[in-house]
Amino acid sequence: MAQTEIRIAGFGGQGVVLAGVLLGQAALNDGRYAVQNQSYGAEARGGAARSEIIISDEPVIYPEVVNPTAMAVMSQAGLDRYIEDLHPDGALIVDADLVQNIPEHFNASVRRGSFTETADKNLGKPIVANMIMLGFFAEATGIVSYDALTAAVRSGVPKGTEALNLKALESGRKMVTDQS
């Protein structure tokens, strides 16, 4: 894997930026290079949000995601806004609870996980849907190692929330193995 461009999209308050930061840190933990940037809609919470990560075996020359080869989407608006940027052979991971309409002409390999509902019903904390998505994303794509990701979560989430976030991460990972 030379270089991978990744976009995580959703709405403000879902933790897509934190997920991107943790994914970038996991790449660094794996001994690779990574850059990450983000943007928020004008409304912040509830508005559009995205996090972009480039992971590479070489230093990253251009730090902007142009044609992502992997995308995780946690809202229908995020999908509608960014789907056409995804490489035709790219991996698409969506929150099945919030993303219903994927364009028919899109040829990417689509993987669906119930991130929001699982966070709410199984863990009692909707706020960790991003960690479930991140565990799912890492397991489904293999872009970063799970050990590197757990280390990034341990050190990158607010103190006192590590156990819950790691449980959510593992829940997402298990969704992939249960689908296989």
Protein backbone atom coordinates (compact mmCIF):
# COMPACT_ATOMS: atom_id res chain seq x y z
CA MET A 1 0.00 0.00 0.00
CA ALA A 2 1.77 3.13 -1.17
CA GLN A 3 -0.74 5.88 -0.33
CA THR A 4 -4.38 5.77 0.72
CA GLU A 5 -6.73 8.74 0.75
CA ILE A 6 -9.60 8.45 3.22
CA ARG A 7 -12.63 10.62 3.91
CA ILE A 8 -14.94 10.28 6.90
CA ALA A 9 -18.15 12.28 6.51
CA GLY A 10 -21.19 12.95 8.64
CA PHE A 11 -22.66 15.79 10.60
CA GLY A 12 -21.25 17.82 13.46
CA GLY A 13 -21.50 16.09 16.81
CA GLN A 14 -20.94 12.56 15.47
CA GLY A 15 -17.23 12.60 16.19
CA VAL A 16 -16.01 12.25 12.60
CA VAL A 17 -13.08 14.57 13.29
CA LEU A 18 -11.96 12.59 16.33
CA ALA A 19 -12.28 9.38 14.30
CA GLY A 20 -10.01 10.87 11.63
CA VAL A 21 -7.44 12.01 14.16
CA LEU A 22 -7.37 8.57 15.76
CA LEU A 23 -7.06 6.85 12.37
CA GLY A 24 -4.10 9.08 11.53
CA GLN A 25 -2.49 8.35 14.90
CA ALA A 26 -2.99 4.62 14.33
CA ALA A 27 -1.12 4.93 11.04
CA LEU A 28 1.73 6.67 12.85
CA ASN A 29 1.66 3.90 15.47
CA ASP A 30 2.04 1.43 12.58
CA GLY A 31 5.21 3.28 11.50
CA ARG A 32 3.65 4.97 8.49
CA TYR A 33 3.21 8.61 7.52
CA ALA A 34 -0.14 10.34 7.94
CA VAL A 35 -1.73 13.75 7.53
CA GLN A 36 -5.22 14.69 8.64
CA ASN A 37 -7.44 17.71 8.13
CA GLN A 38 -11.08 18.49 8.75
CA SER A 39 -13.89 20.89 8.02
CA TYR A 40 -17.18 21.73 9.67
CA GLY A 41 -20.33 23.30 8.32
CA ALA A 42 -21.28 26.75 9.54
CA GLU A 43 -23.64 25.26 12.10
CA ALA A 44 -20.97 22.97 13.66
CA ARG A 45 -23.17 20.55 15.67
CA GLY A 46 -25.70 19.19 13.20
CA GLY A 47 -24.03 20.77 10.15
CA ALA A 48 -21.78 19.00 7.68
CA ALA A 49 -18.49 17.63 8.99
CA ARG A 50 -15.67 15.72 7.36
CA SER A 51 -12.28 14.45 8.27
CA GLU A 52 -9.69 13.54 5.66
CA ILE A 53 -6.67 11.37 6.21
CA ILE A 54 -3.81 10.42 3.92
CA ILE A 55 -1.80 7.39 5.01
CA SER A 56 1.40 6.63 3.15
CA ASP A 57 4.57 4.57 3.22
CA GLU A 58 6.45 7.70 2.08
CA PRO A 59 6.29 11.30 3.29
CA VAL A 60 3.07 12.95 2.09
CA ILE A 61 3.80 15.69 -0.46
CA TYR A 62 0.29 17.04 -1.07
CA PRO A 63 -1.86 16.99 2.09
CA GLU A 64 -5.31 17.27 0.46
CA VAL A 65 -7.61 14.34 -0.29
CA VAL A 66 -8.60 14.49 -3.95
CA ASN A 67 -9.86 11.03 -4.89
CA PRO A 68 -10.43 8.94 -1.74
CA THR A 69 -10.02 5.20 -2.08
CA ALA A 70 -11.86 4.60 1.18
CA MET A 71 -14.78 6.47 2.65
CA ALA A 72 -16.82 6.07 5.82
CA VAL A 73 -20.12 7.94 5.84
CA MET A 74 -22.31 8.48 8.88
CA SER A 75 -25.12 10.58 7.36
CA GLN A 76 -27.16 10.67 4.16
CA ALA A 77 -26.15 14.30 3.60
CA GLY A 78 -22.47 13.29 3.87
CA LEU A 79 -22.96 10.57 1.29
CA ASP A 80 -24.89 12.85 -1.05
CA ARG A 81 -22.20 15.52 -0.82
CA TYR A 82 -19.08 13.35 -1.22
CA ILE A 83 -19.97 10.11 -3.00
CA GLU A 84 -18.92 11.32 -6.43
CA ASP A 85 -15.38 11.96 -5.12
CA LEU A 86 -14.85 8.30 -4.19
CA HIS A 87 -12.61 6.33 -6.53
CA PRO A 88 -14.79 3.96 -8.65
CA ASP A 89 -13.09 0.95 -7.05
CA GLY A 90 -13.04 2.53 -3.60
CA ALA A 91 -14.31 1.02 -0.38
CA LEU A 92 -17.48 2.60 0.98
CA ILE A 93 -18.59 2.01 4.55
CA VAL A 94 -21.90 3.48 5.67
CA ASP A 95 -23.93 3.72 8.84
CA ALA A 96 -26.93 1.64 7.78
CA ASP A 97 -29.09 3.45 10.33
CA LEU A 98 -28.57 6.87 8.74
CA VAL A 99 -27.58 6.21 5.11
CA GLN A 100 -30.30 4.64 3.02
CA ASN A 101 -29.90 5.86 -0.55
CA ILE A 102 -26.70 4.92 -2.35
CA PRO A 103 -26.64 5.87 -6.04
CA GLU A 104 -27.20 2.81 -8.26
CA HIS A 105 -24.41 3.75 -10.64
CA PHE A 106 -21.87 3.60 -7.86
CA ASN A 107 -19.66 0.53 -8.21
CA ALA A 108 -17.74 0.64 -4.95
CA SER A 109 -17.75 -2.22 -2.55
CA VAL A 110 -20.36 -1.09 -0.01
CA ARG A 111 -20.22 -2.37 3.57
CA ARG A 112 -23.01 -1.49 5.98
CA GLY A 113 -22.88 -1.40 9.75
CA SER A 114 -25.46 -0.39 12.30
CA PHE A 115 -23.23 2.06 14.14
CA THR A 116 -25.78 4.47 15.61
CA GLU A 117 -28.30 1.89 16.75
CA THR A 118 -25.61 -0.33 18.26
CA ALA A 119 -24.14 2.62 20.16
CA ASP A 120 -27.55 3.54 21.53
CA LYS A 121 -29.11 0.13 22.24
CA ASN A 122 -26.09 -2.07 23.05
CA LEU A 123 -23.79 0.43 24.71
CA GLY A 124 -26.31 3.01 25.94
CA LYS A 125 -24.22 5.89 24.55
CA PRO A 126 -25.04 7.19 21.04
CA ILE A 127 -21.89 9.32 21.21
CA VAL A 128 -19.66 6.27 20.59
CA ALA A 129 -21.14 5.47 17.15
CA ASN A 130 -17.94 6.97 15.71
CA MET A 131 -15.81 4.42 17.58
CA ILE A 132 -18.01 1.56 16.35
CA MET A 133 -17.59 2.89 12.80
CA LEU A 134 -13.83 3.18 13.31
CA GLY A 135 -13.50 -0.43 14.51
CA PHE A 136 -15.63 -1.56 11.57
CA PHE A 137 -13.62 0.54 9.12
CA ALA A 138 -10.25 -0.73 10.35
CA GLU A 139 -11.34 -4.37 10.28
CA ALA A 140 -13.07 -4.12 6.89
CA THR A 141 -10.25 -2.28 5.12
CA GLY A 142 -7.09 -3.37 6.94
CA ILE A 143 -5.70 0.15 6.40
CA VAL A 144 -4.32 0.25 9.95
CA SER A 145 -3.65 -2.54 12.41
CA TYR A 146 -6.15 -3.07 15.17
CA ASP A 147 -3.40 -2.93 17.81
CA ALA A 148 -2.27 0.48 16.53
CA LEU A 149 -5.86 1.70 16.54
CA THR A 150 -6.55 0.56 20.10
CA ALA A 151 -3.38 2.33 21.24
CA ALA A 152 -4.54 5.50 19.47
CA VAL A 153 -7.95 5.28 21.15
CA ARG A 154 -6.44 4.65 24.59
CA SER A 155 -4.34 7.80 24.35
CA GLY A 156 -6.65 9.96 22.23
CA VAL A 157 -10.05 9.91 23.91
CA PRO A 158 -11.00 11.92 27.00
CA LYS A 159 -9.68 10.47 30.25
CA GLY A 160 -12.20 8.23 31.93
CA THR A 161 -13.87 7.19 28.66
CA GLU A 162 -11.18 4.79 27.45
CA ALA A 163 -13.01 1.57 28.45
CA LEU A 164 -16.29 2.59 26.80
CA ASN A 165 -14.54 3.73 23.62
CA LEU A 166 -12.49 0.52 23.40
CA LYS A 167 -15.65 -1.53 23.90
CA ALA A 168 -17.30 0.41 21.07
CA LEU A 169 -14.25 -0.10 18.86
CA GLU A 170 -14.37 -3.85 19.47
CA SER A 171 -18.11 -3.87 18.77
CA GLY A 172 -17.46 -2.41 15.31
CA ARG A 173 -14.69 -4.90 14.65
CA LYS A 174 -16.99 -7.76 15.63
CA MET A 175 -19.69 -6.53 13.22
CA VAL A 176 -17.32 -7.20 10.33
CA THR A 177 -16.36 -10.69 11.51
CA ASP A 178 -20.03 -11.50 12.13
CA GLN A 179 -20.88 -10.45 8.55
CA SER A 180 -18.18 -12.66 7.06
